[in-house]
Structures are given as structure tokens and as C-alpha cells.
């Protein structure tokens, strides 16, 4: 019974996240420290960094 409830709660959280994804993204990008952290984390991924650098500097 507890496993069913936890799966339901995770599914509901995923649904709510998906419904409000742009609102959450605006909150993250409006905060300077969060924006710096997210962009820094994103640029630490080698595949993402290479792909972005190729598209910016052709």
C-alpha cells in the first residue's frame, strides 16, 4: 500500500512540475545566484559545452 502511495505522489509531482515548468524556469532565471549555479552546472557537462561552443563559434 505504501509503495502505491509513493508512486502516486511521484507521478503527481511530475505532473505538477510539467504543468508549471515555465513558471519554475522564470523563478530560477530571475535569481542571480540560481542562474549562475544552473549555467555553471550546465557548462560543466562536456557534451553540452562542446555542442554550445560549436553553435556559437562556427
C-alpha atoms as a PDB file:
ATOM      1  CA  UNK A   1       0.000   0.000   0.000  1.00  0.00           C
ATOM      2  CA  UNK A   2       2.803   2.423   0.832  1.00  0.00           C
ATOM      3  CA  UNK A   3       4.515   1.723  -2.482  1.00  0.00           C
ATOM      4  CA  UNK A   4       1.350   2.630  -4.398  1.00  0.00           C
ATOM      5  CA  UNK A   5       1.025   5.892  -2.487  1.00  0.00           C
ATOM      6  CA  UNK A   6       4.660   6.820  -3.152  1.00  0.00           C
ATOM      7  CA  UNK A   7       4.292   6.069  -6.883  1.00  0.00           C
ATOM      8  CA  UNK A   8       1.142   8.207  -6.952  1.00  0.00           C
ATOM      9  CA  UNK A   9       2.878  11.094  -5.163  1.00  0.00           C
ATOM     10  CA  UNK A  10       5.872  10.939  -7.546  1.00  0.00           C
ATOM     11  CA  UNK A  11       3.534  10.870 -10.548  1.00  0.00           C
ATOM     12  CA  UNK A  12       1.535  13.817  -9.201  1.00  0.00           C
ATOM     13  CA  UNK A  13       4.747  15.772  -8.542  1.00  0.00           C
ATOM     14  CA  UNK A  14       5.951  15.084 -12.085  1.00  0.00           C
ATOM     15  CA  UNK A  15       2.616  16.219 -13.493  1.00  0.00           C
ATOM     16  CA  UNK A  16       2.628  19.440 -11.472  1.00  0.00           C
ATOM     17  CA  UNK A  17       6.253  20.114 -12.433  1.00  0.00           C
ATOM     18  CA  UNK A  18       5.377  19.634 -16.103  1.00  0.00           C
ATOM     19  CA  UNK A  19       2.357  21.926 -15.855  1.00  0.00           C
ATOM     20  CA  UNK A  20       4.363  24.731 -14.199  1.00  0.00           C
ATOM     21  CA  UNK A  21       7.726  24.217 -15.920  1.00  0.00           C
ATOM     22  CA  UNK A  22       7.907  27.696 -17.474  1.00  0.00           C
ATOM     23  CA  UNK A  23       6.889  29.404 -14.245  1.00  0.00           C
ATOM     24  CA  UNK A  24       9.603  27.456 -12.381  1.00  0.00           C
ATOM     25  CA  UNK A  25      12.148  28.297 -15.081  1.00  0.00           C
ATOM     26  CA  UNK A  26      11.344  32.008 -14.739  1.00  0.00           C
ATOM     27  CA  UNK A  27      11.867  31.789 -10.966  1.00  0.00           C
ATOM     28  CA  UNK A  28      15.238  30.085 -11.425  1.00  0.00           C
ATOM     29  CA  UNK A  29      16.446  32.511 -14.094  1.00  0.00           C
ATOM     30  CA  UNK A  30      15.320  35.622 -12.216  1.00  0.00           C
ATOM     31  CA  UNK A  31      17.565  34.834  -9.248  1.00  0.00           C
ATOM     32  CA  UNK A  32      21.212  35.761  -9.918  1.00  0.00           C
ATOM     33  CA  UNK A  33      22.741  33.066  -7.710  1.00  0.00           C
ATOM     34  CA  UNK A  34      20.480  30.302  -9.002  1.00  0.00           C
ATOM     35  CA  UNK A  35      21.089  31.383 -12.610  1.00  0.00           C
ATOM     36  CA  UNK A  36      24.846  31.358 -12.060  1.00  0.00           C
ATOM     37  CA  UNK A  37      24.663  27.889 -10.481  1.00  0.00           C
ATOM     38  CA  UNK A  38      22.446  26.424 -13.217  1.00  0.00           C
ATOM     39  CA  UNK A  39      24.509  27.836 -16.083  1.00  0.00           C
ATOM     40  CA  UNK A  40      27.750  26.760 -14.399  1.00  0.00           C
ATOM     41  CA  UNK A  41      26.417  23.247 -13.870  1.00  0.00           C
ATOM     42  CA  UNK A  42      25.202  23.102 -17.452  1.00  0.00           C
ATOM     43  CA  UNK A  43      28.565  24.241 -18.825  1.00  0.00           C
ATOM     44  CA  UNK A  44      30.418  21.640 -16.715  1.00  0.00           C
ATOM     45  CA  UNK A  45      28.868  18.881 -18.845  1.00  0.00           C
ATOM     46  CA  UNK A  46      31.414  18.200 -21.618  1.00  0.00           C
ATOM     47  CA  UNK A  47      28.873  17.217 -24.280  1.00  0.00           C
ATOM     48  CA  UNK A  48      26.691  20.264 -23.677  1.00  0.00           C
ATOM     49  CA  UNK A  49      29.631  22.654 -23.575  1.00  0.00           C
ATOM     50  CA  UNK A  50      31.047  21.335 -26.857  1.00  0.00           C
ATOM     51  CA  UNK A  51      27.664  21.465 -28.575  1.00  0.00           C
ATOM     52  CA  UNK A  52      27.058  25.036 -27.425  1.00  0.00           C
ATOM     53  CA  UNK A  53      30.525  26.232 -28.413  1.00  0.00           C
ATOM     54  CA  UNK A  54      30.107  24.703 -31.888  1.00  0.00           C
ATOM     55  CA  UNK A  55      26.800  26.504 -32.392  1.00  0.00           C
ATOM     56  CA  UNK A  56      28.130  29.864 -31.102  1.00  0.00           C
ATOM     57  CA  UNK A  57      31.534  29.810 -32.824  1.00  0.00           C
ATOM     58  CA  UNK A  58      31.064  28.186 -36.227  1.00  0.00           C
END
